[in-house]
Amino acid sequence: TLKWVYDPDPKKAESFRKAYEATGVRVAEREEQVLDDPEVQLVAAACVTSERAALGIRVMKSGKDYFVDKAPLTTLEQLKAVKEAVRETGKKYMVSYSERLQSESAVYAGGLIQKGAIGKVIQVLGMGPHRLNAPSRPDWFFRKKYYGGILCDIGSHQIEQFLYYTGAGDATVVNSEIGNYNHPEYPELDDFGDATLVGDNGAMGY
């Protein structure tokens, strides 16, 4: 059951309510209205990337599970705080890595791997080309402290896929690089990034 929608921008909240009017969803006037509701079991969010960890911690401490768009956070300090909150509350901090979870071909590939149809996966090569489409982007998207950089924003998809497809529980970043080669008008934007990883099971990822 979809019960509440909240956004600091009332127009966005109302637009969401109209789109899902058939569910009976209501617009909350403030965040606490959602977090204090004992009937709410899970909160889904897609706020500014750098704010997702703090919101998730508030959600879990209110006794609810949390489902957030990727990337789930932007700093190692946020990661540490989230892990502590998960341990303290016993609640779930879940991430929507849509390029695998919402892609039929990616799900199918995972099924083939689980069945042993293609043997042991020893290397994953992931490419993530994206259009900039600057006019549709909010201002925070071009500020690194808010979006975390290209490897956080986009590369996290490929890293998650590498871990999943190879069955690695952890990985070491051997090398990585970022750059802004073609967009000087956005000095904090990374328009290129790559990374090489080695999984704890010996698998390689790029």
Foldseek 3Di string as FASTA:
>chain_A
DAAEDEDPDVVVRVVVCVVPVVVVHDYDPDPVVQLQDPVAAEDEDEPFQQCQLVVQLSNLVSPHAYEYEPPNHADVVSVVVSVVSCVVRVHYHHYCLCVQVVDPVNVVLLVCLVVCVPHAAQEDEDDDDDDPPPVVDDPLQLACSRNNADCRNTVVSQVVSQCSSNVFPDKDWPDKDWDDDDCVVRVSHTNDMDTWIAGPVGGIYD
